[in-house]
Amino acid sequence: MRLSSSGHLHGSVFVTVHLRAFLQGTFHYLLFDRYGLMSSWVGFLEDSPFHEDIDHIVQCFDKTTKPRFKSASEPQYIKFGSTRDNDPQFNIRFGQLKLDG
């Protein structure tokens, strides 16, 4: 379980749901960033050529990345593709999507 900034517990399934929402843009969230300012994000991969791979990315996250969480402040990497999959604009390098902590 994970405690969100609003004080709510999020179980493992909800972490996956939130990742999918973040990547697809299914939901619109307002979050406090590290400076206490409101920010919003919608569809991180929405305009990416990897938008079609979201299901596969989420499956890879569930199998490899999610069980290794140690700290919310450390970046996480989701290996989903080959070394030819690169898009610096979307934090994808050598088939890995980097999620900032």
N, C-alpha and C. Protein backbone atom coordinates (compact mmCIF):
# COMPACT_ATOMS: atom_id res chain seq x y z
N MET A 1 0.83 -1.17 0.00
CA MET A 1 0.00 0.00 0.00
C MET A 1 0.88 1.24 0.00
N ARG A 2 0.35 2.30 -0.56
CA ARG A 2 1.10 3.53 -0.66
C ARG A 2 0.23 4.68 -0.18
N LEU A 3 0.81 5.58 0.58
CA LEU A 3 0.10 6.74 1.10
C LEU A 3 0.27 7.89 0.12
N SER A 4 -0.82 8.43 -0.37
CA SER A 4 -0.75 9.55 -1.31
C SER A 4 -0.56 10.85 -0.56
N SER A 5 -0.30 11.93 -1.31
CA SER A 5 -0.09 13.24 -0.70
C SER A 5 -1.35 13.74 0.01
N SER A 6 -2.51 13.21 -0.37
CA SER A 6 -3.75 13.62 0.28
C SER A 6 -4.07 12.76 1.51
N GLY A 7 -3.18 11.79 1.82
CA GLY A 7 -3.36 10.97 3.00
C GLY A 7 -4.18 9.71 2.77
N HIS A 8 -4.49 9.38 1.51
CA HIS A 8 -5.25 8.18 1.20
C HIS A 8 -4.31 7.03 0.87
N LEU A 9 -4.68 5.83 1.28
CA LEU A 9 -3.90 4.66 0.95
C LEU A 9 -4.26 4.19 -0.46
N HIS A 10 -3.24 3.80 -1.20
CA HIS A 10 -3.46 3.25 -2.54
C HIS A 10 -2.87 1.86 -2.57
N GLY A 11 -3.70 0.86 -2.83
CA GLY A 11 -3.23 -0.51 -2.96
C GLY A 11 -2.57 -0.72 -4.30
N SER A 12 -2.01 -1.89 -4.47
CA SER A 12 -1.25 -2.24 -5.66
C SER A 12 -2.04 -2.05 -6.95
N VAL A 13 -3.30 -2.46 -6.93
CA VAL A 13 -4.14 -2.34 -8.13
C VAL A 13 -4.34 -0.87 -8.50
N PHE A 14 -4.51 -0.02 -7.49
CA PHE A 14 -4.75 1.39 -7.77
C PHE A 14 -3.51 2.08 -8.30
N VAL A 15 -2.32 1.60 -7.92
CA VAL A 15 -1.08 2.15 -8.48
C VAL A 15 -1.06 1.90 -9.99
N THR A 16 -1.45 0.70 -10.40
CA THR A 16 -1.52 0.37 -11.82
C THR A 16 -2.57 1.22 -12.54
N VAL A 17 -3.71 1.39 -11.92
CA VAL A 17 -4.78 2.21 -12.51
C VAL A 17 -4.30 3.65 -12.71
N HIS A 18 -3.60 4.17 -11.72
CA HIS A 18 -3.10 5.55 -11.82
C HIS A 18 -2.02 5.67 -12.89
N LEU A 19 -1.17 4.65 -13.04
CA LEU A 19 -0.17 4.68 -14.10
C LEU A 19 -0.85 4.73 -15.46
N ARG A 20 -1.83 3.85 -15.66
CA ARG A 20 -2.54 3.83 -16.95
C ARG A 20 -3.20 5.19 -17.23
N ALA A 21 -3.81 5.76 -16.21
CA ALA A 21 -4.46 7.07 -16.37
C ALA A 21 -3.44 8.14 -16.72
N PHE A 22 -2.27 8.08 -16.08
CA PHE A 22 -1.20 9.03 -16.36
C PHE A 22 -0.73 8.92 -17.80
N LEU A 23 -0.52 7.69 -18.27
CA LEU A 23 -0.01 7.48 -19.63
C LEU A 23 -1.05 7.80 -20.70
N GLN A 24 -2.30 7.42 -20.46
CA GLN A 24 -3.36 7.58 -21.46
C GLN A 24 -4.00 8.95 -21.45
N GLY A 25 -4.04 9.57 -20.29
CA GLY A 25 -4.79 10.81 -20.19
C GLY A 25 -6.25 10.57 -19.94
N THR A 26 -6.57 9.42 -19.33
CA THR A 26 -7.96 9.06 -19.04
C THR A 26 -8.58 10.00 -18.03
N PHE A 27 -7.80 10.42 -17.06
CA PHE A 27 -8.28 11.29 -16.01
C PHE A 27 -7.46 12.58 -16.01
N HIS A 28 -8.01 13.59 -15.40
CA HIS A 28 -7.30 14.85 -15.22
C HIS A 28 -7.05 15.03 -13.73
N TYR A 29 -5.82 15.17 -13.37
CA TYR A 29 -5.44 15.29 -11.97
C TYR A 29 -4.86 16.67 -11.69
N LEU A 30 -5.08 17.15 -10.51
CA LEU A 30 -4.38 18.33 -10.02
C LEU A 30 -3.52 17.88 -8.85
N LEU A 31 -2.25 18.14 -8.94
CA LEU A 31 -1.32 17.67 -7.92
C LEU A 31 -0.50 18.82 -7.38
N PHE A 32 0.01 18.64 -6.19
CA PHE A 32 0.97 19.60 -5.64
C PHE A 32 2.36 19.11 -6.03
N ASP A 33 3.13 19.99 -6.65
CA ASP A 33 4.50 19.62 -6.95
C ASP A 33 5.39 19.93 -5.75
N ARG A 34 6.67 19.74 -5.90
CA ARG A 34 7.57 19.88 -4.75
C ARG A 34 7.63 21.30 -4.21
N TYR A 35 7.13 22.29 -4.96
CA TYR A 35 7.13 23.66 -4.50
C TYR A 35 5.77 24.08 -3.94
N GLY A 36 4.83 23.15 -3.88
CA GLY A 36 3.51 23.44 -3.34
C GLY A 36 2.57 24.09 -4.34
N LEU A 37 2.96 24.14 -5.60
CA LEU A 37 2.13 24.74 -6.64
C LEU A 37 1.22 23.69 -7.26
N MET A 38 0.09 24.12 -7.75
CA MET A 38 -0.81 23.19 -8.43
C MET A 38 -0.30 22.97 -9.85
N SER A 39 -0.28 21.74 -10.26
CA SER A 39 0.09 21.42 -11.62
C SER A 39 -0.87 20.34 -12.12
N SER A 40 -0.97 20.19 -13.40
CA SER A 40 -1.85 19.17 -13.95
C SER A 40 -1.11 18.39 -15.03
N TRP A 41 -1.51 17.14 -15.22
CA TRP A 41 -0.97 16.35 -16.30
C TRP A 41 -2.08 15.52 -16.91
N VAL A 42 -2.03 15.44 -18.20
CA VAL A 42 -3.02 14.65 -18.91
C VAL A 42 -2.31 13.93 -20.05
N GLY A 43 -2.36 12.63 -20.04
CA GLY A 43 -1.87 11.84 -21.16
C GLY A 43 -0.40 12.00 -21.47
N PHE A 44 0.47 11.52 -20.59
CA PHE A 44 1.90 11.66 -20.79
C PHE A 44 2.33 11.13 -22.15
N LEU A 45 1.80 9.99 -22.58
CA LEU A 45 2.16 9.42 -23.88
C LEU A 45 1.11 9.67 -24.96
N GLU A 46 0.21 10.59 -24.69
CA GLU A 46 -0.90 10.84 -25.60
C GLU A 46 -0.45 11.20 -27.02
N ASP A 47 0.58 12.02 -27.15
CA ASP A 47 1.07 12.44 -28.46
C ASP A 47 2.34 11.71 -28.89
N SER A 48 2.64 10.62 -28.22
CA SER A 48 3.84 9.86 -28.49
C SER A 48 3.58 8.75 -29.49
N PRO A 49 4.60 8.36 -30.26
CA PRO A 49 4.43 7.19 -31.13
C PRO A 49 4.25 5.90 -30.33
N PHE A 50 4.48 5.94 -29.02
CA PHE A 50 4.34 4.76 -28.16
C PHE A 50 2.96 4.69 -27.50
N HIS A 51 2.06 5.55 -27.90
CA HIS A 51 0.70 5.55 -27.33
C HIS A 51 0.01 4.20 -27.52
N GLU A 52 0.28 3.55 -28.64
CA GLU A 52 -0.33 2.24 -28.93
C GLU A 52 0.21 1.14 -28.02
N ASP A 53 1.35 1.39 -27.37
CA ASP A 53 2.00 0.38 -26.54
C ASP A 53 1.65 0.49 -25.06
N ILE A 54 0.70 1.32 -24.71
CA ILE A 54 0.39 1.56 -23.29
C ILE A 54 0.01 0.27 -22.56
N ASP A 55 -0.78 -0.59 -23.16
CA ASP A 55 -1.15 -1.86 -22.50
C ASP A 55 0.09 -2.68 -22.17
N HIS A 56 1.00 -2.76 -23.14
CA HIS A 56 2.23 -3.52 -22.92
C HIS A 56 3.11 -2.85 -21.85
N ILE A 57 3.19 -1.53 -21.86
CA ILE A 57 3.98 -0.80 -20.88
C ILE A 57 3.43 -1.05 -19.47
N VAL A 58 2.12 -1.02 -19.33
CA VAL A 58 1.49 -1.25 -18.02
C VAL A 58 1.75 -2.69 -17.55
N GLN A 59 1.69 -3.66 -18.46
CA GLN A 59 1.99 -5.05 -18.10
C GLN A 59 3.44 -5.20 -17.63
N CYS A 60 4.36 -4.55 -18.34
CA CYS A 60 5.78 -4.59 -17.95
C CYS A 60 5.97 -3.93 -16.59
N PHE A 61 5.28 -2.84 -16.35
CA PHE A 61 5.34 -2.15 -15.06
C PHE A 61 4.90 -3.09 -13.94
N ASP A 62 3.77 -3.78 -14.14
CA ASP A 62 3.24 -4.70 -13.12
C ASP A 62 4.21 -5.84 -12.79
N LYS A 63 4.88 -6.36 -13.82
CA LYS A 63 5.75 -7.53 -13.63
C LYS A 63 7.12 -7.17 -13.06
N THR A 64 7.67 -6.04 -13.45
CA THR A 64 9.06 -5.77 -13.07
C THR A 64 9.25 -4.53 -12.20
N THR A 65 8.66 -3.44 -12.57
CA THR A 65 8.93 -2.17 -11.89
C THR A 65 8.19 -2.05 -10.57
N LYS A 66 6.92 -2.34 -10.57
CA LYS A 66 6.10 -2.16 -9.35
C LYS A 66 6.63 -2.95 -8.15
N PRO A 67 7.04 -4.20 -8.31
CA PRO A 67 7.55 -4.93 -7.13
C PRO A 67 8.85 -4.37 -6.56
N ARG A 68 9.58 -3.54 -7.33
CA ARG A 68 10.87 -3.02 -6.88
C ARG A 68 10.80 -1.62 -6.29
N PHE A 69 9.61 -1.04 -6.14
CA PHE A 69 9.51 0.31 -5.57
C PHE A 69 10.20 0.35 -4.22
N LYS A 70 11.04 1.37 -4.03
CA LYS A 70 11.68 1.56 -2.74
C LYS A 70 11.40 2.95 -2.19
N SER A 71 11.40 3.92 -3.06
CA SER A 71 11.23 5.30 -2.62
C SER A 71 10.46 6.08 -3.68
N ALA A 72 9.52 6.89 -3.22
CA ALA A 72 8.73 7.71 -4.15
C ALA A 72 9.56 8.84 -4.75
N SER A 73 10.70 9.15 -4.16
CA SER A 73 11.52 10.25 -4.66
C SER A 73 12.52 9.80 -5.72
N GLU A 74 12.73 8.50 -5.88
CA GLU A 74 13.67 7.98 -6.87
C GLU A 74 12.96 7.74 -8.20
N PRO A 75 13.65 7.99 -9.31
CA PRO A 75 13.04 7.68 -10.62
C PRO A 75 12.85 6.18 -10.78
N GLN A 76 11.84 5.81 -11.54
CA GLN A 76 11.55 4.41 -11.84
C GLN A 76 11.66 4.20 -13.34
N TYR A 77 12.07 3.02 -13.75
CA TYR A 77 12.24 2.70 -15.16
C TYR A 77 11.35 1.51 -15.51
N ILE A 78 10.66 1.65 -16.63
CA ILE A 78 9.81 0.55 -17.13
C ILE A 78 10.42 0.07 -18.44
N LYS A 79 11.00 -1.12 -18.45
CA LYS A 79 11.57 -1.69 -19.66
C LYS A 79 10.45 -2.34 -20.44
N PHE A 80 10.21 -1.82 -21.65
CA PHE A 80 9.09 -2.34 -22.44
C PHE A 80 9.45 -2.62 -23.89
N GLY A 81 10.58 -2.16 -24.35
CA GLY A 81 10.90 -2.29 -25.77
C GLY A 81 12.34 -2.69 -26.00
N SER A 82 12.81 -2.41 -27.20
CA SER A 82 14.18 -2.77 -27.57
C SER A 82 15.06 -1.52 -27.55
N THR A 83 16.33 -1.71 -27.80
CA THR A 83 17.27 -0.59 -27.79
C THR A 83 16.99 0.41 -28.90
N ARG A 84 16.18 0.04 -29.86
CA ARG A 84 15.82 0.96 -30.95
C ARG A 84 14.67 1.89 -30.59
N ASP A 85 14.01 1.65 -29.46
CA ASP A 85 12.88 2.48 -29.04
C ASP A 85 13.41 3.66 -28.23
N ASN A 86 13.42 4.83 -28.87
CA ASN A 86 13.94 6.05 -28.25
C ASN A 86 13.05 7.23 -28.57
N ASP A 87 12.78 8.05 -27.58
CA ASP A 87 12.07 9.31 -27.77
C ASP A 87 12.35 10.19 -26.55
N PRO A 88 13.41 11.02 -26.63
CA PRO A 88 13.80 11.84 -25.48
C PRO A 88 12.69 12.76 -24.97
N GLN A 89 11.81 13.20 -25.85
CA GLN A 89 10.72 14.09 -25.45
C GLN A 89 9.81 13.42 -24.42
N PHE A 90 9.70 12.09 -24.48
CA PHE A 90 8.81 11.34 -23.58
C PHE A 90 9.60 10.49 -22.59
N ASN A 91 10.86 10.82 -22.36
CA ASN A 91 11.72 10.10 -21.40
C ASN A 91 11.86 8.62 -21.74
N ILE A 92 11.89 8.29 -23.03
CA ILE A 92 12.08 6.90 -23.46
C ILE A 92 13.46 6.79 -24.09
N ARG A 93 14.25 5.89 -23.52
CA ARG A 93 15.62 5.70 -24.01
C ARG A 93 15.94 4.21 -23.96
N PHE A 94 16.39 3.68 -25.08
CA PHE A 94 16.76 2.27 -25.19
C PHE A 94 15.66 1.34 -24.70
N GLY A 95 14.42 1.65 -25.04
CA GLY A 95 13.29 0.79 -24.68
C GLY A 95 12.84 0.88 -23.25
N GLN A 96 13.27 1.93 -22.53
CA GLN A 96 12.87 2.12 -21.15
C GLN A 96 12.21 3.48 -20.97
N LEU A 97 11.08 3.47 -20.31
CA LEU A 97 10.37 4.71 -19.97
C LEU A 97 10.80 5.11 -18.57
N LYS A 98 11.33 6.32 -18.44
CA LYS A 98 11.76 6.82 -17.14
C LYS A 98 10.64 7.66 -16.54
N LEU A 99 10.25 7.30 -15.33
CA LEU A 99 9.27 8.08 -14.58
C LEU A 99 9.98 8.76 -13.43
N ASP A 100 9.94 10.08 -13.41
CA ASP A 100 10.59 10.82 -12.33
C ASP A 100 9.89 10.54 -11.00
N GLY A 101 10.68 10.55 -9.95
CA GLY A 101 10.14 10.27 -8.61
C GLY A 101 9.27 11.36 -8.09
